C-alpha atoms as a PDB file:
ATOM      1  CA  MET A   1      -1.047  36.787  29.811  1.00  0.00           C
ATOM      2  CA  ALA A   2       0.848  36.590  33.092  1.00  0.00           C
ATOM      3  CA  GLY A   3      -0.683  33.965  35.333  1.00  0.00           C
ATOM      4  CA  ASN A   4      -2.038  31.872  32.463  1.00  0.00           C
ATOM      5  CA  ASN A   5      -1.260  28.326  33.600  1.00  0.00           C
ATOM      6  CA  GLU A   6      -3.085  26.491  30.817  1.00  0.00           C
ATOM      7  CA  PRO A   7      -1.014  23.713  29.277  1.00  0.00           C
ATOM      8  CA  LYS A   8       0.195  24.343  25.766  1.00  0.00           C
ATOM      9  CA  VAL A   9      -1.638  22.116  23.295  1.00  0.00           C
ATOM     10  CA  THR A  10       0.536  20.777  20.517  1.00  0.00           C
ATOM     11  CA  LYS A  11      -1.040  19.285  17.471  1.00  0.00           C
ATOM     12  CA  ARG A  12       0.334  15.917  16.430  1.00  0.00           C
ATOM     13  CA  ASN A  13       0.799  15.118  12.773  1.00  0.00           C
ATOM     14  CA  ARG A  14      -1.337  12.311  11.419  1.00  0.00           C
ATOM     15  CA  ARG A  15       0.577   9.072  11.151  1.00  0.00           C
ATOM     16  CA  THR A  16      -0.084   6.193   8.819  1.00  0.00           C
ATOM     17  CA  HIS A  17       0.677   2.643   9.822  1.00  0.00           C
ATOM     18  CA  SER A  18       1.313  -0.268   7.507  1.00  0.00           C
ATOM     19  CA  PRO A  19      -1.235  -3.079   7.306  1.00  0.00           C
ATOM     20  CA  ALA A  20       1.365  -5.455   8.764  1.00  0.00           C
ATOM     21  CA  PHE A  21       1.878  -3.171  11.779  1.00  0.00           C
ATOM     22  CA  LYS A  22      -1.873  -2.931  12.362  1.00  0.00           C
ATOM     23  CA  ALA A  23      -2.235  -6.712  12.112  1.00  0.00           C
ATOM     24  CA  ASN A  24       0.585  -7.312  14.594  1.00  0.00           C
ATOM     25  CA  VAL A  25      -0.891  -4.848  17.084  1.00  0.00           C
ATOM     26  CA  ALA A  26      -4.368  -6.346  16.711  1.00  0.00           C
ATOM     27  CA  LEU A  27      -3.014  -9.865  17.219  1.00  0.00           C
ATOM     28  CA  ALA A  28      -1.106  -8.724  20.300  1.00  0.00           C
ATOM     29  CA  ALA A  29      -4.341  -7.221  21.644  1.00  0.00           C
ATOM     30  CA  LEU A  30      -6.226 -10.449  20.929  1.00  0.00           C
ATOM     31  CA  LYS A  31      -3.507 -12.473  22.620  1.00  0.00           C
ATOM     32  CA  GLY A  32      -4.204 -10.565  25.840  1.00  0.00           C
ATOM     33  CA  ASP A  33      -0.731 -10.689  27.405  1.00  0.00           C
ATOM     34  CA  LYS A  34      -0.917  -6.924  27.964  1.00  0.00           C
ATOM     35  CA  THR A  35      -3.824  -4.617  28.642  1.00  0.00           C
ATOM     36  CA  LEU A  36      -4.932  -2.234  25.909  1.00  0.00           C
ATOM     37  CA  ALA A  37      -3.500   0.651  27.915  1.00  0.00           C
ATOM     38  CA  GLU A  38      -0.104  -1.042  28.246  1.00  0.00           C
ATOM     39  CA  LEU A  39      -0.013  -1.948  24.567  1.00  0.00           C
ATOM     40  CA  ALA A  40      -1.106   1.548  23.556  1.00  0.00           C
ATOM     41  CA  GLN A  41       1.604   3.136  25.670  1.00  0.00           C
ATOM     42  CA  GLN A  42       4.245   0.741  24.336  1.00  0.00           C
ATOM     43  CA  ILE A  43       3.536   1.476  20.662  1.00  0.00           C
ATOM     44  CA  ASP A  44       2.360   5.083  21.142  1.00  0.00           C
ATOM     45  CA  VAL A  45      -1.122   4.597  19.682  1.00  0.00           C
ATOM     46  CA  HIS A  46      -4.457   5.472  21.271  1.00  0.00           C
ATOM     47  CA  PRO A  47      -6.264   2.493  22.849  1.00  0.00           C
ATOM     48  CA  ASN A  48      -9.379   3.221  20.772  1.00  0.00           C
ATOM     49  CA  GLN A  49      -7.305   2.759  17.607  1.00  0.00           C
ATOM     50  CA  ILE A  50      -6.124  -0.635  18.823  1.00  0.00           C
ATOM     51  CA  THR A  51      -9.727  -1.585  19.580  1.00  0.00           C
ATOM     52  CA  ASP A  52     -10.727  -0.627  16.014  1.00  0.00           C
ATOM     53  CA  TRP A  53      -7.914  -2.688  14.490  1.00  0.00           C
ATOM     54  CA  LYS A  54      -8.789  -5.628  16.736  1.00  0.00           C
ATOM     55  CA  LYS A  55     -12.433  -5.413  15.642  1.00  0.00           C
ATOM     56  CA  GLN A  56     -11.410  -5.344  11.966  1.00  0.00           C
ATOM     57  CA  VAL A  57      -9.290  -8.476  12.407  1.00  0.00           C
ATOM     58  CA  GLN A  58     -12.133 -10.288  14.135  1.00  0.00           C
ATOM     59  CA  GLU A  59     -14.594  -9.333  11.378  1.00  0.00           C
ATOM     60  CA  ARG A  60     -12.290 -10.390   8.543  1.00  0.00           C
ATOM     61  CA  VAL A  61     -10.595 -13.471   9.958  1.00  0.00           C
ATOM     62  CA  ALA A  62     -12.870 -15.833   7.984  1.00  0.00           C
ATOM     63  CA  ASP A  63     -11.643 -14.242   4.735  1.00  0.00           C
ATOM     64  CA  VAL A  64      -8.202 -15.747   5.363  1.00  0.00           C
ATOM     65  CA  PHE A  65      -9.561 -19.239   4.969  1.00  0.00           C
ATOM     66  CA  GLU A  66     -11.777 -18.365   2.000  1.00  0.00           C
ATOM     67  CA  ALA A  67      -8.862 -16.791   0.162  1.00  0.00           C
ATOM     68  CA  GLY A  68      -6.695 -19.847   0.908  1.00  0.00           C
ATOM     69  CA  ASN A  69      -8.969 -22.069  -1.182  1.00  0.00           C
ATOM     70  CA  ALA A  70      -9.156 -19.724  -4.139  1.00  0.00           C
ATOM     71  CA  ALA A  71      -6.501 -19.328  -6.800  1.00  0.00           C
ATOM     72  CA  PRO A  72      -4.278 -16.296  -6.280  1.00  0.00           C
ATOM     73  CA  ALA A  73      -5.671 -13.260  -8.054  1.00  0.00           C
ATOM     74  CA  ALA A  74      -3.766 -12.104 -11.105  1.00  0.00           C
ATOM     75  CA  PRO A  75      -2.385  -8.592 -10.861  1.00  0.00           C
ATOM     76  CA  ARG A  76      -4.720  -5.993 -12.313  1.00  0.00           C
ATOM     77  CA  VAL A  77      -3.622  -4.884 -15.762  1.00  0.00           C
ATOM     78  CA  ASP A  78      -4.532  -1.533 -17.285  1.00  0.00           C
ATOM     79  CA  VAL A  79      -5.133  -2.398 -20.942  1.00  0.00           C
ATOM     80  CA  LYS A  80      -5.205   1.249 -22.039  1.00  0.00           C
ATOM     81  CA  VAL A  81      -1.717   1.816 -20.657  1.00  0.00           C
ATOM     82  CA  LEU A  82      -0.427  -1.314 -22.381  1.00  0.00           C
ATOM     83  CA  HIS A  83      -1.969  -0.289 -25.718  1.00  0.00           C
ATOM     84  CA  ALA A  84      -0.394   3.152 -25.412  1.00  0.00           C
ATOM     85  CA  LYS A  85       3.003   1.583 -24.725  1.00  0.00           C
ATOM     86  CA  ILE A  86       2.646  -0.750 -27.726  1.00  0.00           C
ATOM     87  CA  GLY A  87       1.810   2.238 -29.918  1.00  0.00           C
ATOM     88  CA  GLN A  88       4.791   4.194 -28.626  1.00  0.00           C
ATOM     89  CA  LEU A  89       7.195   1.293 -29.196  1.00  0.00           C
ATOM     90  CA  THR A  90       5.820   0.695 -32.695  1.00  0.00           C
ATOM     91  CA  LEU A  91       6.407   4.349 -33.614  1.00  0.00           C
ATOM     92  CA  GLU A  92       9.925   4.243 -32.194  1.00  0.00           C
ATOM     93  CA  ASN A  93      10.746   1.038 -34.099  1.00  0.00           C
ATOM     94  CA  ASP A  94       9.393   2.468 -37.361  1.00  0.00           C
ATOM     95  CA  PHE A  95      11.380   5.689 -36.869  1.00  0.00           C
ATOM     96  CA  LEU A  96      14.606   3.840 -36.125  1.00  0.00           C
ATOM     97  CA  GLU A  97      14.093   1.475 -39.054  1.00  0.00           C
ATOM     98  CA  SER A  98      13.567   4.355 -41.480  1.00  0.00           C
ATOM     99  CA  ALA A  99      16.620   6.183 -40.074  1.00  0.00           C
ATOM    100  CA  LEU A 100      18.761   3.067 -40.575  1.00  0.00           C
ATOM    101  CA  ILE A 101      17.506   2.647 -44.134  1.00  0.00           C
ATOM    102  CA  LYS A 102      18.309   6.309 -44.943  1.00  0.00           C
ATOM    103  CA  ALA A 103      21.777   5.884 -43.414  1.00  0.00           C
ATOM    104  CA  GLY A 104      22.333   2.795 -45.545  1.00  0.00           C
ATOM    105  CA  LEU A 105      22.851   0.567 -42.546  1.00  0.00           C
ATOM    106  CA  LEU A 106      19.745  -1.494 -43.200  1.00  0.00           C
ATOM    107  CA  GLY A 107      19.476  -2.865 -46.730  1.00  0.00           C
ATOM    108  CA  VAL A 108      15.959  -4.061 -47.398  1.00  0.00           C
ATOM    109  CA  ARG A 109      12.855  -3.417 -45.465  1.00  0.00           C
ATOM    110  CA  ARG A 110      11.535  -6.639 -43.974  1.00  0.00           C
END
């Protein structure tokens, strides 16, 4: 292995960036104050990634105005989970009520 002058390749862990970070980078790229190479070096992201984020912003920018006219979406509710919780609470209430009646702390069942 003596004389092997090949550079050592280190594998970089995959990073995930928040949507807000991606939006800010894409807007900075659209603004054009810095080149893609300068921006990429500053935030330590590949220029192709910035180009992808910029493209996504350009494709979806009309959605901002469509969503502004619509009523805000209600949070998604999982009815099965809520029914399970209601069942659990009902069982717990019935158990506690019967325990209180047996202990003589609750006179008459309502």
